[in-house]
Amino acid sequence: MHTLSVTRFGFALAMASALSYVGCVFVMMTVPKDVAINFFNSIMHGVDVTSIMRWDMPWWEMFVGVLEIFILGWLFGAIIAVFYNIGMKNKKES
């Protein structure tokens, strides 16, 4: 088994996370409110998200959200790669 590149895996997870966020934004912008609420309620295992849904979010907040999700995705991806590599190192020594 090979080790994972921390930066590449971090970037891959960051891009996947940011793309998911953009997909969420797209859903919010294109479907009727009741459909969006039903969609997100089903993702949240039936928790009613009606009271926390925002329909008037400005574009710059969405941009900041994508940037934040990208950064968090990169950090989580890097952490996963580091622990994976540590596990692979320990496996080789055994």
PDB file of N, CA and C in Angstrom:
ATOM      1  N   MET A   1       0.835  -1.188   0.000  1.00  0.00           N
ATOM      2  CA  MET A   1       0.000   0.000   0.000  1.00  0.00           C
ATOM      3  C   MET A   1       0.875   1.245   0.000  1.00  0.00           C
ATOM      4  N   HIS A   2       0.373   2.270  -0.640  1.00  0.00           N
ATOM      5  CA  HIS A   2       1.087   3.529  -0.730  1.00  0.00           C
ATOM      6  C   HIS A   2       0.550   4.512   0.298  1.00  0.00           C
ATOM      7  N   THR A   3       1.370   5.503   0.617  1.00  0.00           N
ATOM      8  CA  THR A   3       0.898   6.563   1.505  1.00  0.00           C
ATOM      9  C   THR A   3       0.133   7.591   0.681  1.00  0.00           C
ATOM     10  N   LEU A   4      -0.664   8.368   1.361  1.00  0.00           N
ATOM     11  CA  LEU A   4      -1.445   9.414   0.703  1.00  0.00           C
ATOM     12  C   LEU A   4      -0.703  10.744   0.783  1.00  0.00           C
ATOM     13  N   SER A   5      -0.779  11.521  -0.263  1.00  0.00           N
ATOM     14  CA  SER A   5      -0.268  12.883  -0.234  1.00  0.00           C
ATOM     15  C   SER A   5      -1.234  13.724   0.594  1.00  0.00           C
ATOM     16  N   VAL A   6      -0.714  14.312   1.645  1.00  0.00           N
ATOM     17  CA  VAL A   6      -1.559  15.098   2.546  1.00  0.00           C
ATOM     18  C   VAL A   6      -2.184  16.273   1.797  1.00  0.00           C
ATOM     19  N   THR A   7      -1.381  16.978   1.011  1.00  0.00           N
ATOM     20  CA  THR A   7      -1.913  18.152   0.306  1.00  0.00           C
ATOM     21  C   THR A   7      -2.899  17.756  -0.781  1.00  0.00           C
ATOM     22  N   ARG A   8      -2.610  16.688  -1.524  1.00  0.00           N
ATOM     23  CA  ARG A   8      -3.528  16.281  -2.593  1.00  0.00           C
ATOM     24  C   ARG A   8      -4.838  15.742  -2.050  1.00  0.00           C
ATOM     25  N   PHE A   9      -4.764  14.928  -0.992  1.00  0.00           N
ATOM     26  CA  PHE A   9      -5.989  14.391  -0.420  1.00  0.00           C
ATOM     27  C   PHE A   9      -6.802  15.521   0.215  1.00  0.00           C
ATOM     28  N   GLY A  10      -6.113  16.456   0.875  1.00  0.00           N
ATOM     29  CA  GLY A  10      -6.802  17.613   1.445  1.00  0.00           C
ATOM     30  C   GLY A  10      -7.507  18.416   0.377  1.00  0.00           C
ATOM     31  N   PHE A  11      -6.805  18.645  -0.747  1.00  0.00           N
ATOM     32  CA  PHE A  11      -7.404  19.404  -1.845  1.00  0.00           C
ATOM     33  C   PHE A  11      -8.599  18.657  -2.445  1.00  0.00           C
ATOM     34  N   ALA A  12      -8.479  17.344  -2.592  1.00  0.00           N
ATOM     35  CA  ALA A  12      -9.577  16.550  -3.161  1.00  0.00           C
ATOM     36  C   ALA A  12     -10.821  16.639  -2.280  1.00  0.00           C
ATOM     37  N   LEU A  13     -10.644  16.499  -0.975  1.00  0.00           N
ATOM     38  CA  LEU A  13     -11.795  16.582  -0.077  1.00  0.00           C
ATOM     39  C   LEU A  13     -12.340  18.013  -0.035  1.00  0.00           C
ATOM     40  N   ALA A  14     -11.454  18.998  -0.121  1.00  0.00           N
ATOM     41  CA  ALA A  14     -11.900  20.389  -0.139  1.00  0.00           C
ATOM     42  C   ALA A  14     -12.745  20.675  -1.372  1.00  0.00           C
ATOM     43  N   MET A  15     -12.298  20.204  -2.520  1.00  0.00           N
ATOM     44  CA  MET A  15     -13.060  20.432  -3.748  1.00  0.00           C
ATOM     45  C   MET A  15     -14.403  19.704  -3.712  1.00  0.00           C
ATOM     46  N   ALA A  16     -14.407  18.475  -3.201  1.00  0.00           N
ATOM     47  CA  ALA A  16     -15.663  17.730  -3.095  1.00  0.00           C
ATOM     48  C   ALA A  16     -16.631  18.440  -2.148  1.00  0.00           C
ATOM     49  N   SER A  17     -16.122  18.959  -1.048  1.00  0.00           N
ATOM     50  CA  SER A  17     -16.962  19.676  -0.087  1.00  0.00           C
ATOM     51  C   SER A  17     -17.515  20.966  -0.689  1.00  0.00           C
ATOM     52  N   ALA A  18     -16.644  21.719  -1.361  1.00  0.00           N
ATOM     53  CA  ALA A  18     -17.078  22.977  -1.978  1.00  0.00           C
ATOM     54  C   ALA A  18     -18.105  22.720  -3.073  1.00  0.00           C
ATOM     55  N   LEU A  19     -17.898  21.663  -3.851  1.00  0.00           N
ATOM     56  CA  LEU A  19     -18.854  21.316  -4.900  1.00  0.00           C
ATOM     57  C   LEU A  19     -20.199  20.927  -4.294  1.00  0.00           C
ATOM     58  N   SER A  20     -20.179  20.213  -3.183  1.00  0.00           N
ATOM     59  CA  SER A  20     -21.430  19.866  -2.491  1.00  0.00           C
ATOM     60  C   SER A  20     -22.144  21.118  -1.996  1.00  0.00           C
ATOM     61  N   TYR A  21     -21.381  22.077  -1.492  1.00  0.00           N
ATOM     62  CA  TYR A  21     -21.961  23.337  -1.014  1.00  0.00           C
ATOM     63  C   TYR A  21     -22.611  24.092  -2.176  1.00  0.00           C
ATOM     64  N   VAL A  22     -21.912  24.156  -3.292  1.00  0.00           N
ATOM     65  CA  VAL A  22     -22.459  24.825  -4.469  1.00  0.00           C
ATOM     66  C   VAL A  22     -23.721  24.099  -4.937  1.00  0.00           C
ATOM     67  N   GLY A  23     -23.722  22.763  -4.868  1.00  0.00           N
ATOM     68  CA  GLY A  23     -24.922  21.998  -5.208  1.00  0.00           C
ATOM     69  C   GLY A  23     -26.080  22.347  -4.295  1.00  0.00           C
ATOM     70  N   CYS A  24     -25.779  22.519  -3.029  1.00  0.00           N
ATOM     71  CA  CYS A  24     -26.810  22.911  -2.063  1.00  0.00           C
ATOM     72  C   CYS A  24     -27.361  24.295  -2.418  1.00  0.00           C
ATOM     73  N   VAL A  25     -26.473  25.222  -2.752  1.00  0.00           N
ATOM     74  CA  VAL A  25     -26.897  26.561  -3.160  1.00  0.00           C
ATOM     75  C   VAL A  25     -27.786  26.472  -4.396  1.00  0.00           C
ATOM     76  N   PHE A  26     -27.386  25.643  -5.358  1.00  0.00           N
ATOM     77  CA  PHE A  26     -28.168  25.479  -6.580  1.00  0.00           C
ATOM     78  C   PHE A  26     -29.575  24.961  -6.272  1.00  0.00           C
ATOM     79  N   VAL A  27     -29.663  23.977  -5.382  1.00  0.00           N
ATOM     80  CA  VAL A  27     -30.976  23.442  -4.990  1.00  0.00           C
ATOM     81  C   VAL A  27     -31.812  24.551  -4.369  1.00  0.00           C
ATOM     82  N   MET A  28     -31.210  25.327  -3.476  1.00  0.00           N
ATOM     83  CA  MET A  28     -31.951  26.387  -2.801  1.00  0.00           C
ATOM     84  C   MET A  28     -32.456  27.449  -3.779  1.00  0.00           C
ATOM     85  N   MET A  29     -31.686  27.689  -4.839  1.00  0.00           N
ATOM     86  CA  MET A  29     -32.052  28.741  -5.788  1.00  0.00           C
ATOM     87  C   MET A  29     -33.059  28.290  -6.847  1.00  0.00           C
ATOM     88  N   THR A  30     -33.162  26.995  -7.095  1.00  0.00           N
ATOM     89  CA  THR A  30     -33.944  26.545  -8.244  1.00  0.00           C
ATOM     90  C   THR A  30     -35.247  25.828  -7.916  1.00  0.00           C
ATOM     91  N   VAL A  31     -35.381  25.295  -6.741  1.00  0.00           N
ATOM     92  CA  VAL A  31     -36.598  24.534  -6.446  1.00  0.00           C
ATOM     93  C   VAL A  31     -37.515  25.354  -5.549  1.00  0.00           C
ATOM     94  N   PRO A  32     -38.810  25.060  -5.567  1.00  0.00           N
ATOM     95  CA  PRO A  32     -39.736  25.751  -4.673  1.00  0.00           C
ATOM     96  C   PRO A  32     -39.388  25.502  -3.199  1.00  0.00           C
ATOM     97  N   LYS A  33     -39.790  26.423  -2.349  1.00  0.00           N
ATOM     98  CA  LYS A  33     -39.449  26.334  -0.926  1.00  0.00           C
ATOM     99  C   LYS A  33     -39.881  25.020  -0.297  1.00  0.00           C
ATOM    100  N   ASP A  34     -41.105  24.577  -0.572  1.00  0.00           N
ATOM    101  CA  ASP A  34     -41.582  23.343   0.065  1.00  0.00           C
ATOM    102  C   ASP A  34     -40.771  22.131  -0.387  1.00  0.00           C
ATOM    103  N   VAL A  35     -40.332  22.117  -1.639  1.00  0.00           N
ATOM    104  CA  VAL A  35     -39.499  21.010  -2.127  1.00  0.00           C
ATOM    105  C   VAL A  35     -38.136  21.048  -1.447  1.00  0.00           C
ATOM    106  N   ALA A  36     -37.548  22.238  -1.323  1.00  0.00           N
ATOM    107  CA  ALA A  36     -36.251  22.369  -0.651  1.00  0.00           C
ATOM    108  C   ALA A  36     -36.349  21.938   0.806  1.00  0.00           C
ATOM    109  N   ILE A  37     -37.413  22.350   1.470  1.00  0.00           N
ATOM    110  CA  ILE A  37     -37.590  21.970   2.878  1.00  0.00           C
ATOM    111  C   ILE A  37     -37.728  20.462   3.007  1.00  0.00           C
ATOM    112  N   ASN A  38     -38.531  19.837   2.156  1.00  0.00           N
ATOM    113  CA  ASN A  38     -38.681  18.379   2.198  1.00  0.00           C
ATOM    114  C   ASN A  38     -37.355  17.680   1.909  1.00  0.00           C
ATOM    115  N   PHE A  39     -36.598  18.202   0.940  1.00  0.00           N
ATOM    116  CA  PHE A  39     -35.304  17.616   0.593  1.00  0.00           C
ATOM    117  C   PHE A  39     -34.356  17.652   1.787  1.00  0.00           C
ATOM    118  N   PHE A  40     -34.198  18.820   2.401  1.00  0.00           N
ATOM    119  CA  PHE A  40     -33.265  18.942   3.518  1.00  0.00           C
ATOM    120  C   PHE A  40     -33.778  18.259   4.784  1.00  0.00           C
ATOM    121  N   ASN A  41     -35.097  18.203   4.973  1.00  0.00           N
ATOM    122  CA  ASN A  41     -35.641  17.435   6.092  1.00  0.00           C
ATOM    123  C   ASN A  41     -35.291  15.960   5.955  1.00  0.00           C
ATOM    124  N   SER A  42     -35.344  15.429   4.735  1.00  0.00           N
ATOM    125  CA  SER A  42     -35.027  14.011   4.546  1.00  0.00           C
ATOM    126  C   SER A  42     -33.542  13.744   4.759  1.00  0.00           C
ATOM    127  N   ILE A  43     -32.684  14.695   4.386  1.00  0.00           N
ATOM    128  CA  ILE A  43     -31.253  14.531   4.639  1.00  0.00           C
ATOM    129  C   ILE A  43     -30.964  14.549   6.139  1.00  0.00           C
ATOM    130  N   MET A  44     -31.711  15.357   6.870  1.00  0.00           N
ATOM    131  CA  MET A  44     -31.494  15.515   8.318  1.00  0.00           C
ATOM    132  C   MET A  44     -32.307  14.506   9.130  1.00  0.00           C
ATOM    133  N   HIS A  45     -32.685  13.409   8.524  1.00  0.00           N
ATOM    134  CA  HIS A  45     -33.410  12.310   9.194  1.00  0.00           C
ATOM    135  C   HIS A  45     -34.715  12.789   9.823  1.00  0.00           C
ATOM    136  N   GLY A  46     -35.418  13.656   9.123  1.00  0.00           N
ATOM    137  CA  GLY A  46     -36.735  14.074   9.580  1.00  0.00           C
ATOM    138  C   GLY A  46     -36.737  15.282  10.500  1.00  0.00           C
ATOM    139  N   VAL A  47     -35.563  15.852  10.818  1.00  0.00           N
ATOM    140  CA  VAL A  47     -35.533  17.062  11.634  1.00  0.00           C
ATOM    141  C   VAL A  47     -36.109  18.191  10.794  1.00  0.00           C
ATOM    142  N   ASP A  48     -37.036  18.948  11.360  1.00  0.00           N
ATOM    143  CA  ASP A  48     -37.677  20.024  10.617  1.00  0.00           C
ATOM    144  C   ASP A  48     -36.746  21.231  10.545  1.00  0.00           C
ATOM    145  N   VAL A  49     -36.269  21.553   9.347  1.00  0.00           N
ATOM    146  CA  VAL A  49     -35.331  22.660   9.153  1.00  0.00           C
ATOM    147  C   VAL A  49     -36.024  23.953   8.724  1.00  0.00           C
ATOM    148  N   THR A  50     -37.347  23.959   8.737  1.00  0.00           N
ATOM    149  CA  THR A  50     -38.097  25.120   8.264  1.00  0.00           C
ATOM    150  C   THR A  50     -37.684  26.403   8.983  1.00  0.00           C
ATOM    151  N   SER A  51     -37.515  26.339  10.291  1.00  0.00           N
ATOM    152  CA  SER A  51     -37.227  27.555  11.062  1.00  0.00           C
ATOM    153  C   SER A  51     -35.797  28.056  10.883  1.00  0.00           C
ATOM    154  N   ILE A  52     -34.888  27.232  10.357  1.00  0.00           N
ATOM    155  CA  ILE A  52     -33.505  27.682  10.195  1.00  0.00           C
ATOM    156  C   ILE A  52     -33.110  27.925   8.739  1.00  0.00           C
ATOM    157  N   MET A  53     -34.046  27.715   7.818  1.00  0.00           N
ATOM    158  CA  MET A  53     -33.762  27.950   6.400  1.00  0.00           C
ATOM    159  C   MET A  53     -33.739  29.457   6.128  1.00  0.00           C
ATOM    160  N   ARG A  54     -32.749  29.893   5.355  1.00  0.00           N
ATOM    161  CA  ARG A  54     -32.658  31.298   4.937  1.00  0.00           C
ATOM    162  C   ARG A  54     -32.848  31.365   3.433  1.00  0.00           C
ATOM    163  N   TRP A  55     -33.739  32.240   3.006  1.00  0.00           N
ATOM    164  CA  TRP A  55     -34.032  32.380   1.582  1.00  0.00           C
ATOM    165  C   TRP A  55     -33.474  33.670   1.005  1.00  0.00           C
ATOM    166  N   ASP A  56     -32.940  34.540   1.837  1.00  0.00           N
ATOM    167  CA  ASP A  56     -32.481  35.845   1.380  1.00  0.00           C
ATOM    168  C   ASP A  56     -30.974  36.026   1.566  1.00  0.00           C
ATOM    169  N   MET A  57     -30.215  34.965   1.425  1.00  0.00           N
ATOM    170  CA  MET A  57     -28.778  35.040   1.632  1.00  0.00           C
ATOM    171  C   MET A  57     -28.115  35.779   0.459  1.00  0.00           C
ATOM    172  N   PRO A  58     -27.323  36.820   0.754  1.00  0.00           N
ATOM    173  CA  PRO A  58     -26.645  37.541  -0.331  1.00  0.00           C
ATOM    174  C   PRO A  58     -25.531  36.689  -0.953  1.00  0.00           C
ATOM    175  N   TRP A  59     -25.168  37.034  -2.189  1.00  0.00           N
ATOM    176  CA  TRP A  59     -24.167  36.254  -2.927  1.00  0.00           C
ATOM    177  C   TRP A  59     -22.832  36.213  -2.211  1.00  0.00           C
ATOM    178  N   TRP A  60     -22.446  37.301  -1.527  1.00  0.00           N
ATOM    179  CA  TRP A  60     -21.134  37.324  -0.886  1.00  0.00           C
ATOM    180  C   TRP A  60     -21.088  36.374   0.308  1.00  0.00           C
ATOM    181  N   GLU A  61     -22.214  36.159   0.993  1.00  0.00           N
ATOM    182  CA  GLU A  61     -22.251  35.183   2.084  1.00  0.00           C
ATOM    183  C   GLU A  61     -22.112  33.770   1.538  1.00  0.00           C
ATOM    184  N   MET A  62     -22.697  33.522   0.364  1.00  0.00           N
ATOM    185  CA  MET A  62     -22.543  32.210  -0.261  1.00  0.00           C
ATOM    186  C   MET A  62     -21.090  31.974  -0.656  1.00  0.00           C
ATOM    187  N   PHE A  63     -20.428  33.017  -1.180  1.00  0.00           N
ATOM    188  CA  PHE A  63     -19.018  32.908  -1.536  1.00  0.00           C
ATOM    189  C   PHE A  63     -18.165  32.612  -0.303  1.00  0.00           C
ATOM    190  N   VAL A  64     -18.428  33.334   0.784  1.00  0.00           N
ATOM    191  CA  VAL A  64     -17.698  33.095   2.036  1.00  0.00           C
ATOM    192  C   VAL A  64     -17.956  31.669   2.526  1.00  0.00           C
ATOM    193  N   GLY A  65     -19.194  31.197   2.402  1.00  0.00           N
ATOM    194  CA  GLY A  65     -19.521  29.829   2.801  1.00  0.00           C
ATOM    195  C   GLY A  65     -18.750  28.794   2.000  1.00  0.00           C
ATOM    196  N   VAL A  66     -18.651  29.002   0.688  1.00  0.00           N
ATOM    197  CA  VAL A  66     -17.884  28.078  -0.153  1.00  0.00           C
ATOM    198  C   VAL A  66     -16.423  28.089   0.273  1.00  0.00           C
ATOM    199  N   LEU A  67     -15.876  29.268   0.520  1.00  0.00           N
ATOM    200  CA  LEU A  67     -14.484  29.389   0.943  1.00  0.00           C
ATOM    201  C   LEU A  67     -14.252  28.694   2.287  1.00  0.00           C
ATOM    202  N   GLU A  68     -15.159  28.902   3.229  1.00  0.00           N
ATOM    203  CA  GLU A  68     -15.024  28.257   4.546  1.00  0.00           C
ATOM    204  C   GLU A  68     -15.116  26.738   4.428  1.00  0.00           C
ATOM    205  N   ILE A  69     -16.062  26.256   3.638  1.00  0.00           N
ATOM    206  CA  ILE A  69     -16.196  24.816   3.451  1.00  0.00           C
ATOM    207  C   ILE A  69     -14.956  24.243   2.773  1.00  0.00           C
ATOM    208  N   PHE A  70     -14.390  24.977   1.813  1.00  0.00           N
ATOM    209  CA  PHE A  70     -13.167  24.538   1.149  1.00  0.00           C
ATOM    210  C   PHE A  70     -12.032  24.399   2.161  1.00  0.00           C
ATOM    211  N   ILE A  71     -11.863  25.405   3.002  1.00  0.00           N
ATOM    212  CA  ILE A  71     -10.789  25.374   4.004  1.00  0.00           C
ATOM    213  C   ILE A  71     -10.995  24.224   4.984  1.00  0.00           C
ATOM    214  N   LEU A  72     -12.213  24.077   5.494  1.00  0.00           N
ATOM    215  CA  LEU A  72     -12.492  22.977   6.426  1.00  0.00           C
ATOM    216  C   LEU A  72     -12.306  21.622   5.753  1.00  0.00           C
ATOM    217  N   GLY A  73     -12.736  21.501   4.493  1.00  0.00           N
ATOM    218  CA  GLY A  73     -12.543  20.254   3.762  1.00  0.00           C
ATOM    219  C   GLY A  73     -11.082  19.930   3.597  1.00  0.00           C
ATOM    220  N   TRP A  74     -10.259  20.945   3.283  1.00  0.00           N
ATOM    221  CA  TRP A  74      -8.828  20.706   3.151  1.00  0.00           C
ATOM    222  C   TRP A  74      -8.233  20.252   4.476  1.00  0.00           C
ATOM    223  N   LEU A  75      -8.619  20.912   5.559  1.00  0.00           N
ATOM    224  CA  LEU A  75      -8.089  20.518   6.875  1.00  0.00           C
ATOM    225  C   LEU A  75      -8.485  19.086   7.231  1.00  0.00           C
ATOM    226  N   PHE A  76      -9.754  18.732   7.033  1.00  0.00           N
ATOM    227  CA  PHE A  76     -10.193  17.377   7.347  1.00  0.00           C
ATOM    228  C   PHE A  76      -9.522  16.355   6.441  1.00  0.00           C
ATOM    229  N   GLY A  77      -9.378  16.681   5.155  1.00  0.00           N
ATOM    230  CA  GLY A  77      -8.699  15.772   4.243  1.00  0.00           C
ATOM    231  C   GLY A  77      -7.253  15.566   4.628  1.00  0.00           C
ATOM    232  N   ALA A  78      -6.570  16.649   5.024  1.00  0.00           N
ATOM    233  CA  ALA A  78      -5.173  16.532   5.453  1.00  0.00           C
ATOM    234  C   ALA A  78      -5.065  15.688   6.718  1.00  0.00           C
ATOM    235  N   ILE A  79      -5.983  15.890   7.647  1.00  0.00           N
ATOM    236  CA  ILE A  79      -5.969  15.100   8.890  1.00  0.00           C
ATOM    237  C   ILE A  79      -6.191  13.622   8.587  1.00  0.00           C
ATOM    238  N   ILE A  80      -7.152  13.330   7.716  1.00  0.00           N
ATOM    239  CA  ILE A  80      -7.414  11.934   7.346  1.00  0.00           C
ATOM    240  C   ILE A  80      -6.177  11.320   6.712  1.00  0.00           C
ATOM    241  N   ALA A  81      -5.519  12.049   5.799  1.00  0.00           N
ATOM    242  CA  ALA A  81      -4.329  11.520   5.131  1.00  0.00           C
ATOM    243  C   ALA A  81      -3.199  11.284   6.127  1.00  0.00           C
ATOM    244  N   VAL A  82      -3.018  12.193   7.066  1.00  0.00           N
ATOM    245  CA  VAL A  82      -1.962  12.020   8.074  1.00  0.00           C
ATOM    246  C   VAL A  82      -2.214  10.755   8.889  1.00  0.00           C
ATOM    247  N   PHE A  83      -3.432  10.579   9.367  1.00  0.00           N
ATOM    248  CA  PHE A  83      -3.728   9.389  10.172  1.00  0.00           C
ATOM    249  C   PHE A  83      -3.651   8.110   9.338  1.00  0.00           C
ATOM    250  N   TYR A  84      -4.068   8.192   8.086  1.00  0.00           N
ATOM    251  CA  TYR A  84      -3.944   7.039   7.193  1.00  0.00           C
ATOM    252  C   TYR A  84      -2.471   6.663   7.037  1.00  0.00           C
ATOM    253  N   ASN A  85      -1.632   7.656   6.805  1.00  0.00           N
ATOM    254  CA  ASN A  85      -0.211   7.393   6.630  1.00  0.00           C
ATOM    255  C   ASN A  85       0.432   6.849   7.902  1.00  0.00           C
ATOM    256  N   ILE A  86       0.006   7.353   9.047  1.00  0.00           N
ATOM    257  CA  ILE A  86       0.507   6.805  10.311  1.00  0.00           C
ATOM    258  C   ILE A  86       0.106   5.343  10.446  1.00  0.00           C
ATOM    259  N   GLY A  87      -1.141   5.044  10.091  1.00  0.00           N
ATOM    260  CA  GLY A  87      -1.603   3.654  10.144  1.00  0.00           C
ATOM    261  C   GLY A  87      -0.841   2.763   9.197  1.00  0.00           C
ATOM    262  N   MET A  88      -0.513   3.262   8.021  1.00  0.00           N
ATOM    263  CA  MET A  88       0.256   2.472   7.052  1.00  0.00           C
ATOM    264  C   MET A  88       1.684   2.263   7.541  1.00  0.00           C
ATOM    265  N   LYS A  89       2.253   3.269   8.190  1.00  0.00           N
ATOM    266  CA  LYS A  89       3.603   3.152   8.731  1.00  0.00           C
ATOM    267  C   LYS A  89       3.640   2.090   9.829  1.00  0.00           C
ATOM    268  N   ASN A  90       2.644   2.112  10.697  1.00  0.00           N
ATOM    269  CA  ASN A  90       2.573   1.125  11.770  1.00  0.00           C
ATOM    270  C   ASN A  90       2.335  -0.271  11.215  1.00  0.00           C
ATOM    271  N   LYS A  91       1.579  -0.387  10.122  1.00  0.00           N
ATOM    272  CA  LYS A  91       1.326  -1.691   9.508  1.00  0.00           C
ATOM    273  C   LYS A  91       2.609  -2.276   8.920  1.00  0.00           C
ATOM    274  N   LYS A  92       3.437  -1.426   8.312  1.00  0.00           N
ATOM    275  CA  LYS A  92       4.692  -1.884   7.718  1.00  0.00           C
ATOM    276  C   LYS A  92       5.668  -2.363   8.791  1.00  0.00           C
ATOM    277  N   GLU A  93       5.644  -1.725   9.961  1.00  0.00           N
ATOM    278  CA  GLU A  93       6.561  -2.100  11.033  1.00  0.00           C
ATOM    279  C   GLU A  93       6.162  -3.402  11.702  1.00  0.00           C
ATOM    280  N   SER A  94       4.886  -3.782  11.585  1.00  0.00           N
ATOM    281  CA  SER A  94       4.397  -5.007  12.245  1.00  0.00           C
ATOM    282  C   SER A  94       4.855  -6.252  11.533  1.00  0.00           C
TER     283      SER A  94
END
